[in-house]
Protein backbone atom coordinates (compact mmCIF):
# COMPACT_ATOMS: atom_id res chain seq x y z
CA MET A 1 18.22 0.98 -1.86
CA ILE A 2 16.01 -0.40 -4.51
CA ILE A 3 13.41 -1.56 -2.19
CA HIS A 4 13.07 1.92 -0.83
CA ARG A 5 12.54 3.28 -4.37
CA ILE A 6 9.95 0.60 -5.20
CA PHE A 7 8.09 1.17 -1.86
CA SER A 8 8.15 5.00 -2.49
CA GLN A 9 6.68 4.37 -6.05
CA ILE A 10 3.97 2.16 -4.67
CA ILE A 11 3.12 4.60 -1.91
CA VAL A 12 2.81 7.70 -4.47
CA GLY A 13 0.72 5.40 -6.65
CA ILE A 14 -1.60 4.73 -3.93
CA LEU A 15 -1.79 8.13 -2.79
CA GLY A 16 -2.23 9.64 -6.04
CA ILE A 17 -5.04 7.34 -7.24
CA TYR A 18 -6.71 7.82 -3.77
CA LEU A 19 -6.45 11.79 -4.04
CA ALA A 20 -7.54 11.80 -7.75
CA ILE A 21 -10.65 9.67 -6.82
CA LEU A 22 -11.47 12.10 -3.99
CA PHE A 23 -10.88 15.66 -5.94
CA VAL A 24 -10.94 14.77 -9.62
CA PRO A 25 -14.36 14.41 -11.26
CA GLY A 26 -14.52 11.57 -13.64
CA VAL A 27 -12.09 9.19 -11.48
CA ASP A 28 -13.89 6.49 -9.65
CA ILE A 29 -13.52 2.86 -8.24
CA SER A 30 -16.69 0.92 -9.16
CA SER A 31 -16.87 -0.82 -5.67
CA GLY A 32 -16.68 2.52 -3.74
CA GLU A 33 -13.61 3.93 -2.03
CA PHE A 34 -14.77 3.62 1.52
CA THR A 35 -15.61 0.00 1.57
CA VAL A 36 -13.43 -2.96 2.43
CA GLU A 37 -13.44 -4.17 -1.22
CA GLY A 38 -12.75 -0.44 -2.57
CA ILE A 39 -9.57 -0.30 -0.35
CA LYS A 40 -8.20 -3.57 -1.43
CA ILE A 41 -8.76 -2.56 -5.05
CA LEU A 42 -7.31 0.89 -4.30
CA VAL A 43 -4.18 -0.80 -3.00
CA LEU A 44 -3.90 -3.13 -5.69
CA ILE A 45 -4.37 -0.63 -8.31
CA GLY A 46 -1.79 1.81 -6.64
CA THR A 47 0.75 -1.05 -6.25
CA VAL A 48 0.38 -1.92 -10.01
CA PHE A 49 0.82 1.66 -10.87
CA GLY A 50 3.71 2.04 -8.75
CA LEU A 51 5.36 -1.10 -10.31
CA ILE A 52 4.69 0.12 -13.73
CA ASN A 53 6.15 3.63 -12.75
CA PHE A 54 9.15 1.74 -11.47
CA PHE A 55 9.91 -0.78 -14.13
CA ILE A 56 8.29 0.67 -17.59
CA LYS A 57 8.36 4.58 -17.05
CA PRO A 58 12.12 4.87 -17.19
CA ILE A 59 12.38 2.70 -20.40
CA ILE A 60 9.72 5.00 -21.90
CA SER A 61 11.42 8.28 -20.52
CA PHE A 62 14.77 7.08 -22.19
CA ILE A 63 13.18 6.51 -25.58
CA THR A 64 11.34 9.65 -25.51
CA LEU A 65 14.43 11.83 -24.15
CA PRO A 66 14.66 14.08 -27.22
CA LEU A 67 11.11 14.86 -26.99
CA ARG A 68 11.69 15.65 -23.33
CA ILE A 69 14.58 17.99 -24.01
CA ILE A 70 12.87 19.93 -26.92
CA THR A 71 9.68 20.47 -24.72
CA LEU A 72 11.83 21.18 -21.48
CA GLY A 73 10.38 18.21 -19.62
CA LEU A 74 6.77 18.89 -20.25
CA PHE A 75 6.51 15.75 -22.34
CA GLY A 76 6.89 13.88 -18.82
CA ILE A 77 3.37 14.80 -18.25
CA ILE A 78 2.29 12.87 -21.35
CA ILE A 79 4.28 10.02 -20.32
CA ASN A 80 2.40 10.02 -16.58
CA THR A 81 -0.77 10.46 -18.32
CA THR A 82 0.04 7.18 -20.41
CA MET A 83 1.07 5.45 -17.46
CA ILE A 84 -2.35 6.09 -15.86
CA TRP A 85 -4.40 5.23 -18.91
CA ILE A 86 -2.38 1.85 -18.93
CA VAL A 87 -3.55 1.13 -15.31
CA ASP A 88 -6.95 2.28 -16.23
CA LYS A 89 -7.05 -0.22 -19.16
CA ILE A 90 -5.83 -3.01 -16.95
CA PHE A 91 -8.34 -2.63 -14.24
CA THR A 92 -12.13 -2.40 -15.10
CA GLU A 93 -12.84 -1.47 -11.29
CA LEU A 94 -10.92 2.01 -12.19
CA THR A 95 -12.88 4.46 -14.19
CA VAL A 96 -11.29 7.43 -15.80
CA SER A 97 -13.68 9.14 -17.99
CA SER A 98 -11.94 11.77 -19.82
CA PHE A 99 -8.59 13.30 -20.95
CA TYR A 100 -9.14 15.97 -18.35
CA ALA A 101 -9.42 13.37 -15.57
CA LEU A 102 -6.16 11.61 -16.79
CA PHE A 103 -4.46 15.05 -17.00
CA TRP A 104 -5.23 16.02 -13.38
CA THR A 105 -4.34 12.63 -12.00
CA SER A 106 -1.10 12.87 -13.58
CA ILE A 107 -0.49 16.15 -12.14
CA ILE A 108 -1.40 14.91 -8.64
CA VAL A 109 1.11 11.88 -9.15
CA TRP A 110 3.75 14.16 -10.21
CA PHE A 111 3.10 16.53 -7.08
CA LEU A 112 3.23 13.54 -4.73
CA SER A 113 6.52 12.21 -6.49
CA CYS A 114 7.95 15.76 -5.86
CA LEU A 115 7.01 15.51 -2.12
CA ILE A 116 7.77 11.82 -1.62
CA PRO A 117 11.28 11.45 -2.77
CA THR A 118 11.53 8.15 -4.84
CA ASN A 119 15.37 8.19 -5.65
CA ARG A 120 16.94 9.04 -2.45
CA TYR A 121 20.01 7.18 -1.71
CA ASN A 122 21.01 6.75 1.86
CA LYS A 123 24.56 6.10 1.84
CA SER A 124 25.76 4.97 5.32
CA LYS A 125 29.38 6.03 6.38
CA LYS A 126 31.70 3.16 7.04
CA LEU A 127 33.27 2.86 10.32
CA LEU A 128 37.14 2.03 10.83
């Protein structure tokens, strides 16, 4: 169910960026989040963020596995923060003003990825 995993990552990305815009000071979209243009930009940013999390994050997580083991998984927050920073550099419409804002945005995304399972496999039972 690779499509389900990609779709889940995109939903987590869109919701995470949206909640960060609402609750984290220093995270903003230049066109406004409640306009039609702002919603289009938000969906595009969340989609790219979800795709980066799906394709690039596992590679970086594998490369940094020793650091994640030594820090008991806390280095994963740094990886999430880096992914958000990459999306911030790709899109000029997204403004993340400080490391504080990056950190709290990564915490929001982490919490949402705990709530919305992104790696659940649905194995159907075979009938005779």
